[in-house]
Amino acid sequence: MISTTEIQSPCIVICHFKNEELHEKAGGRLIRYQVTIDPNNDNQLSPSGEFIRFGDVKGDEITGWQPCINIVVDETLFTYEQEIPYNNNVMVRGAAA
């Protein structure tokens, strides 16, 4: 297990949710996900540092804010040496008044 605070370079990792480990111990399957962790992206961690946001990079299999304490990094698949291919953010606006 690797703490997200130990990650120094942007990377793609395999991770799972800590609270689902009991399911595996009971004979169930523990689902693992691929996500991108970028310690240089100030927007990936919440201001309190308690939550991390996934889904801003193509290939992320988790989308949305997750409690950092519940994420376990199992293995690093790739470390970026160049710019991360972030998804383009789309601004949605209502009809003009």
N, C-alpha and C. Protein backbone atom coordinates (compact mmCIF):
# COMPACT_ATOMS: atom_id res chain seq x y z
N MET A 1 0.85 -1.18 0.00
CA MET A 1 0.00 0.00 0.00
C MET A 1 0.89 1.24 0.00
N ILE A 2 0.52 2.21 -0.81
CA ILE A 2 1.26 3.47 -0.90
C ILE A 2 0.32 4.60 -0.51
N SER A 3 0.74 5.47 0.36
CA SER A 3 -0.07 6.64 0.71
C SER A 3 0.03 7.65 -0.41
N THR A 4 -1.09 8.35 -0.69
CA THR A 4 -1.05 9.37 -1.74
C THR A 4 -0.08 10.48 -1.38
N THR A 5 0.25 10.66 -0.12
CA THR A 5 1.21 11.69 0.27
C THR A 5 2.63 11.30 -0.11
N GLU A 6 2.87 10.01 -0.40
CA GLU A 6 4.19 9.54 -0.79
C GLU A 6 4.42 9.67 -2.29
N ILE A 7 3.39 9.94 -3.06
CA ILE A 7 3.51 10.02 -4.50
C ILE A 7 4.10 11.38 -4.87
N GLN A 8 5.23 11.36 -5.56
CA GLN A 8 5.95 12.58 -5.89
C GLN A 8 5.74 13.03 -7.34
N SER A 9 5.43 12.10 -8.24
CA SER A 9 5.26 12.40 -9.66
C SER A 9 3.89 11.96 -10.11
N PRO A 10 3.31 12.63 -11.11
CA PRO A 10 2.02 12.21 -11.63
C PRO A 10 2.11 10.77 -12.16
N CYS A 11 1.13 9.95 -11.82
CA CYS A 11 1.19 8.56 -12.24
C CYS A 11 -0.20 7.94 -12.37
N ILE A 12 -0.23 6.83 -13.09
CA ILE A 12 -1.43 6.01 -13.21
C ILE A 12 -1.23 4.84 -12.26
N VAL A 13 -2.24 4.58 -11.43
CA VAL A 13 -2.12 3.53 -10.43
C VAL A 13 -3.33 2.59 -10.46
N ILE A 14 -3.13 1.42 -9.88
CA ILE A 14 -4.23 0.51 -9.58
C ILE A 14 -4.54 0.72 -8.11
N CYS A 15 -5.82 0.91 -7.79
CA CYS A 15 -6.20 1.14 -6.40
C CYS A 15 -7.51 0.41 -6.09
N HIS A 16 -7.84 0.37 -4.82
CA HIS A 16 -9.13 -0.16 -4.38
C HIS A 16 -9.62 0.63 -3.18
N PHE A 17 -10.87 0.40 -2.81
CA PHE A 17 -11.46 1.07 -1.65
C PHE A 17 -11.18 0.22 -0.40
N LYS A 18 -10.61 0.82 0.61
CA LYS A 18 -10.25 0.12 1.84
C LYS A 18 -11.47 -0.53 2.50
N ASN A 19 -12.62 0.16 2.45
CA ASN A 19 -13.80 -0.39 3.12
C ASN A 19 -14.35 -1.63 2.43
N GLU A 20 -13.85 -1.97 1.23
CA GLU A 20 -14.31 -3.18 0.54
C GLU A 20 -13.42 -4.39 0.80
N GLU A 21 -12.35 -4.21 1.59
CA GLU A 21 -11.44 -5.32 1.88
C GLU A 21 -12.14 -6.43 2.68
N LEU A 22 -13.09 -6.07 3.53
CA LEU A 22 -13.83 -7.08 4.29
C LEU A 22 -14.62 -7.99 3.37
N HIS A 23 -15.12 -7.44 2.28
CA HIS A 23 -15.87 -8.23 1.30
C HIS A 23 -14.97 -9.33 0.72
N GLU A 24 -13.71 -8.97 0.44
CA GLU A 24 -12.76 -9.95 -0.10
C GLU A 24 -12.45 -11.03 0.95
N LYS A 25 -12.28 -10.62 2.20
CA LYS A 25 -11.99 -11.58 3.26
C LYS A 25 -13.14 -12.56 3.47
N ALA A 26 -14.35 -12.12 3.13
CA ALA A 26 -15.53 -12.98 3.26
C ALA A 26 -15.73 -13.86 2.02
N GLY A 27 -14.77 -13.81 1.09
CA GLY A 27 -14.85 -14.66 -0.08
C GLY A 27 -15.30 -13.95 -1.34
N GLY A 28 -15.58 -12.66 -1.24
CA GLY A 28 -16.01 -11.89 -2.41
C GLY A 28 -14.81 -11.40 -3.22
N ARG A 29 -15.12 -10.76 -4.31
CA ARG A 29 -14.07 -10.24 -5.19
C ARG A 29 -13.82 -8.77 -4.88
N LEU A 30 -12.57 -8.40 -4.70
CA LEU A 30 -12.20 -7.01 -4.46
C LEU A 30 -11.96 -6.36 -5.81
N ILE A 31 -12.74 -5.34 -6.13
CA ILE A 31 -12.62 -4.65 -7.40
C ILE A 31 -11.51 -3.62 -7.30
N ARG A 32 -10.66 -3.61 -8.31
CA ARG A 32 -9.57 -2.64 -8.37
C ARG A 32 -9.81 -1.72 -9.56
N TYR A 33 -9.36 -0.49 -9.43
CA TYR A 33 -9.62 0.55 -10.42
C TYR A 33 -8.32 1.19 -10.88
N GLN A 34 -8.34 1.72 -12.10
CA GLN A 34 -7.22 2.50 -12.61
C GLN A 34 -7.56 3.98 -12.49
N VAL A 35 -6.67 4.74 -11.87
CA VAL A 35 -6.87 6.18 -11.73
C VAL A 35 -5.54 6.91 -11.89
N THR A 36 -5.63 8.21 -12.14
CA THR A 36 -4.44 9.05 -12.25
C THR A 36 -4.34 9.90 -10.99
N ILE A 37 -3.16 9.91 -10.41
CA ILE A 37 -2.89 10.76 -9.24
C ILE A 37 -1.82 11.76 -9.64
N ASP A 38 -2.13 13.03 -9.47
CA ASP A 38 -1.20 14.09 -9.85
C ASP A 38 -0.93 14.98 -8.64
N PRO A 39 0.20 14.79 -7.96
CA PRO A 39 0.49 15.61 -6.78
C PRO A 39 0.73 17.08 -7.12
N ASN A 40 0.89 17.40 -8.41
CA ASN A 40 1.10 18.78 -8.83
C ASN A 40 -0.20 19.51 -9.15
N ASN A 41 -1.31 18.79 -9.16
CA ASN A 41 -2.61 19.37 -9.48
C ASN A 41 -3.30 19.80 -8.18
N ASP A 42 -3.32 21.10 -7.93
CA ASP A 42 -3.93 21.62 -6.70
C ASP A 42 -5.43 21.37 -6.64
N ASN A 43 -6.06 21.11 -7.79
CA ASN A 43 -7.50 20.90 -7.83
C ASN A 43 -7.89 19.45 -7.56
N GLN A 44 -6.93 18.53 -7.48
CA GLN A 44 -7.28 17.13 -7.26
C GLN A 44 -7.58 16.85 -5.79
N LEU A 45 -6.96 17.59 -4.88
CA LEU A 45 -7.26 17.43 -3.46
C LEU A 45 -8.17 18.54 -2.99
N SER A 46 -9.09 18.21 -2.09
CA SER A 46 -9.97 19.23 -1.52
C SER A 46 -9.15 20.15 -0.62
N PRO A 47 -9.66 21.34 -0.29
CA PRO A 47 -8.91 22.26 0.58
C PRO A 47 -8.51 21.64 1.92
N SER A 48 -9.34 20.75 2.45
CA SER A 48 -9.01 20.10 3.72
C SER A 48 -8.00 18.98 3.55
N GLY A 49 -7.83 18.49 2.31
CA GLY A 49 -6.94 17.36 2.06
C GLY A 49 -7.57 16.02 2.38
N GLU A 50 -8.84 16.03 2.75
CA GLU A 50 -9.52 14.79 3.11
C GLU A 50 -10.10 14.05 1.91
N PHE A 51 -10.28 14.75 0.77
CA PHE A 51 -10.89 14.15 -0.40
C PHE A 51 -10.00 14.31 -1.62
N ILE A 52 -10.07 13.34 -2.51
CA ILE A 52 -9.33 13.39 -3.77
C ILE A 52 -10.33 13.19 -4.91
N ARG A 53 -10.13 13.94 -6.00
CA ARG A 53 -11.05 13.86 -7.14
C ARG A 53 -10.40 13.09 -8.27
N PHE A 54 -11.13 12.12 -8.79
CA PHE A 54 -10.71 11.34 -9.95
C PHE A 54 -11.65 11.59 -11.11
N GLY A 55 -11.19 11.23 -12.30
CA GLY A 55 -12.05 11.30 -13.48
C GLY A 55 -11.70 12.40 -14.45
N ASP A 56 -10.67 13.17 -14.16
CA ASP A 56 -10.29 14.28 -15.05
C ASP A 56 -9.30 13.86 -16.14
N VAL A 57 -8.90 12.59 -16.14
CA VAL A 57 -7.96 12.08 -17.13
C VAL A 57 -8.59 10.88 -17.83
N LYS A 58 -8.48 10.84 -19.16
CA LYS A 58 -9.02 9.72 -19.92
C LYS A 58 -8.43 8.42 -19.38
N GLY A 59 -9.28 7.47 -19.11
CA GLY A 59 -8.84 6.18 -18.59
C GLY A 59 -9.11 6.00 -17.11
N ASP A 60 -9.40 7.10 -16.39
CA ASP A 60 -9.76 6.96 -14.97
C ASP A 60 -11.05 6.16 -14.85
N GLU A 61 -11.06 5.19 -13.96
CA GLU A 61 -12.23 4.34 -13.79
C GLU A 61 -13.05 4.72 -12.56
N ILE A 62 -12.63 5.75 -11.85
CA ILE A 62 -13.40 6.33 -10.75
C ILE A 62 -13.62 7.78 -11.11
N THR A 63 -14.83 8.26 -10.88
CA THR A 63 -15.15 9.65 -11.15
C THR A 63 -15.77 10.26 -9.90
N GLY A 64 -15.29 11.43 -9.53
CA GLY A 64 -15.86 12.15 -8.40
C GLY A 64 -14.92 12.20 -7.20
N TRP A 65 -15.42 12.84 -6.13
CA TRP A 65 -14.65 13.02 -4.90
C TRP A 65 -14.73 11.76 -4.05
N GLN A 66 -13.57 11.29 -3.59
CA GLN A 66 -13.50 10.11 -2.73
C GLN A 66 -12.68 10.46 -1.49
N PRO A 67 -13.04 9.87 -0.33
CA PRO A 67 -12.23 10.11 0.86
C PRO A 67 -10.83 9.52 0.70
N CYS A 68 -9.81 10.32 0.90
CA CYS A 68 -8.42 9.84 0.75
C CYS A 68 -8.14 8.64 1.65
N ILE A 69 -8.71 8.65 2.83
CA ILE A 69 -8.46 7.59 3.80
C ILE A 69 -8.98 6.24 3.32
N ASN A 70 -9.90 6.26 2.33
CA ASN A 70 -10.52 5.04 1.83
C ASN A 70 -9.86 4.51 0.56
N ILE A 71 -8.84 5.19 0.04
CA ILE A 71 -8.18 4.78 -1.20
C ILE A 71 -6.86 4.08 -0.87
N VAL A 72 -6.69 2.88 -1.39
CA VAL A 72 -5.45 2.12 -1.20
C VAL A 72 -4.81 1.95 -2.58
N VAL A 73 -3.57 2.39 -2.72
CA VAL A 73 -2.84 2.23 -3.98
C VAL A 73 -2.13 0.88 -3.94
N ASP A 74 -2.46 0.02 -4.92
CA ASP A 74 -1.88 -1.32 -4.97
C ASP A 74 -0.60 -1.37 -5.80
N GLU A 75 -0.59 -0.62 -6.91
CA GLU A 75 0.56 -0.70 -7.80
C GLU A 75 0.59 0.52 -8.73
N THR A 76 1.78 0.96 -9.08
CA THR A 76 1.94 2.05 -10.05
C THR A 76 2.13 1.42 -11.42
N LEU A 77 1.29 1.83 -12.38
CA LEU A 77 1.37 1.32 -13.74
C LEU A 77 2.27 2.16 -14.63
N PHE A 78 2.24 3.48 -14.43
CA PHE A 78 2.94 4.39 -15.32
C PHE A 78 3.22 5.69 -14.59
N THR A 79 4.39 6.25 -14.79
CA THR A 79 4.73 7.56 -14.23
C THR A 79 4.93 8.52 -15.40
N TYR A 80 4.24 9.65 -15.34
CA TYR A 80 4.32 10.66 -16.40
C TYR A 80 5.61 11.43 -16.31
N GLU A 81 6.26 11.61 -17.46
CA GLU A 81 7.42 12.48 -17.55
C GLU A 81 7.08 13.75 -18.33
N GLN A 82 5.91 13.70 -19.00
CA GLN A 82 5.43 14.86 -19.76
C GLN A 82 4.06 15.26 -19.23
N GLU A 83 3.42 16.16 -19.94
CA GLU A 83 2.13 16.68 -19.54
C GLU A 83 1.05 15.58 -19.51
N ILE A 84 0.19 15.65 -18.53
CA ILE A 84 -0.90 14.69 -18.40
C ILE A 84 -2.03 15.07 -19.36
N PRO A 85 -2.61 14.10 -20.06
CA PRO A 85 -3.69 14.40 -21.00
C PRO A 85 -5.04 14.59 -20.31
N TYR A 86 -5.20 15.73 -19.63
CA TYR A 86 -6.46 15.99 -18.95
C TYR A 86 -7.59 16.13 -19.95
N ASN A 87 -8.79 15.69 -19.53
CA ASN A 87 -9.99 15.88 -20.35
C ASN A 87 -10.29 17.36 -20.44
N ASN A 88 -10.87 17.78 -21.53
CA ASN A 88 -11.30 19.17 -21.66
C ASN A 88 -12.55 19.37 -20.82
N ASN A 89 -12.55 20.38 -19.99
CA ASN A 89 -13.74 20.69 -19.20
C ASN A 89 -14.74 21.42 -20.10
N VAL A 90 -15.98 21.03 -19.99
CA VAL A 90 -17.03 21.65 -20.79
C VAL A 90 -17.91 22.46 -19.87
N MET A 91 -18.11 23.75 -20.17
CA MET A 91 -18.98 24.57 -19.36
C MET A 91 -20.38 24.47 -19.92
N VAL A 92 -21.33 24.10 -19.09
CA VAL A 92 -22.72 23.99 -19.52
C VAL A 92 -23.45 25.23 -19.07
N ARG A 93 -24.13 25.87 -20.00
CA ARG A 93 -24.86 27.09 -19.68
C ARG A 93 -26.31 26.93 -20.09
N GLY A 94 -27.17 27.57 -19.34
CA GLY A 94 -28.59 27.55 -19.67
C GLY A 94 -28.88 28.44 -20.86
N ALA A 95 -30.11 28.39 -21.32
CA ALA A 95 -30.52 29.22 -22.46
C ALA A 95 -30.40 30.69 -22.10
N ALA A 96 -30.05 31.49 -23.08
CA ALA A 96 -29.91 32.94 -22.87
C ALA A 96 -31.27 33.53 -22.54
N ALA A 97 -31.28 34.48 -21.62
CA ALA A 97 -32.55 35.09 -21.20
C ALA A 97 -33.00 36.15 -22.18
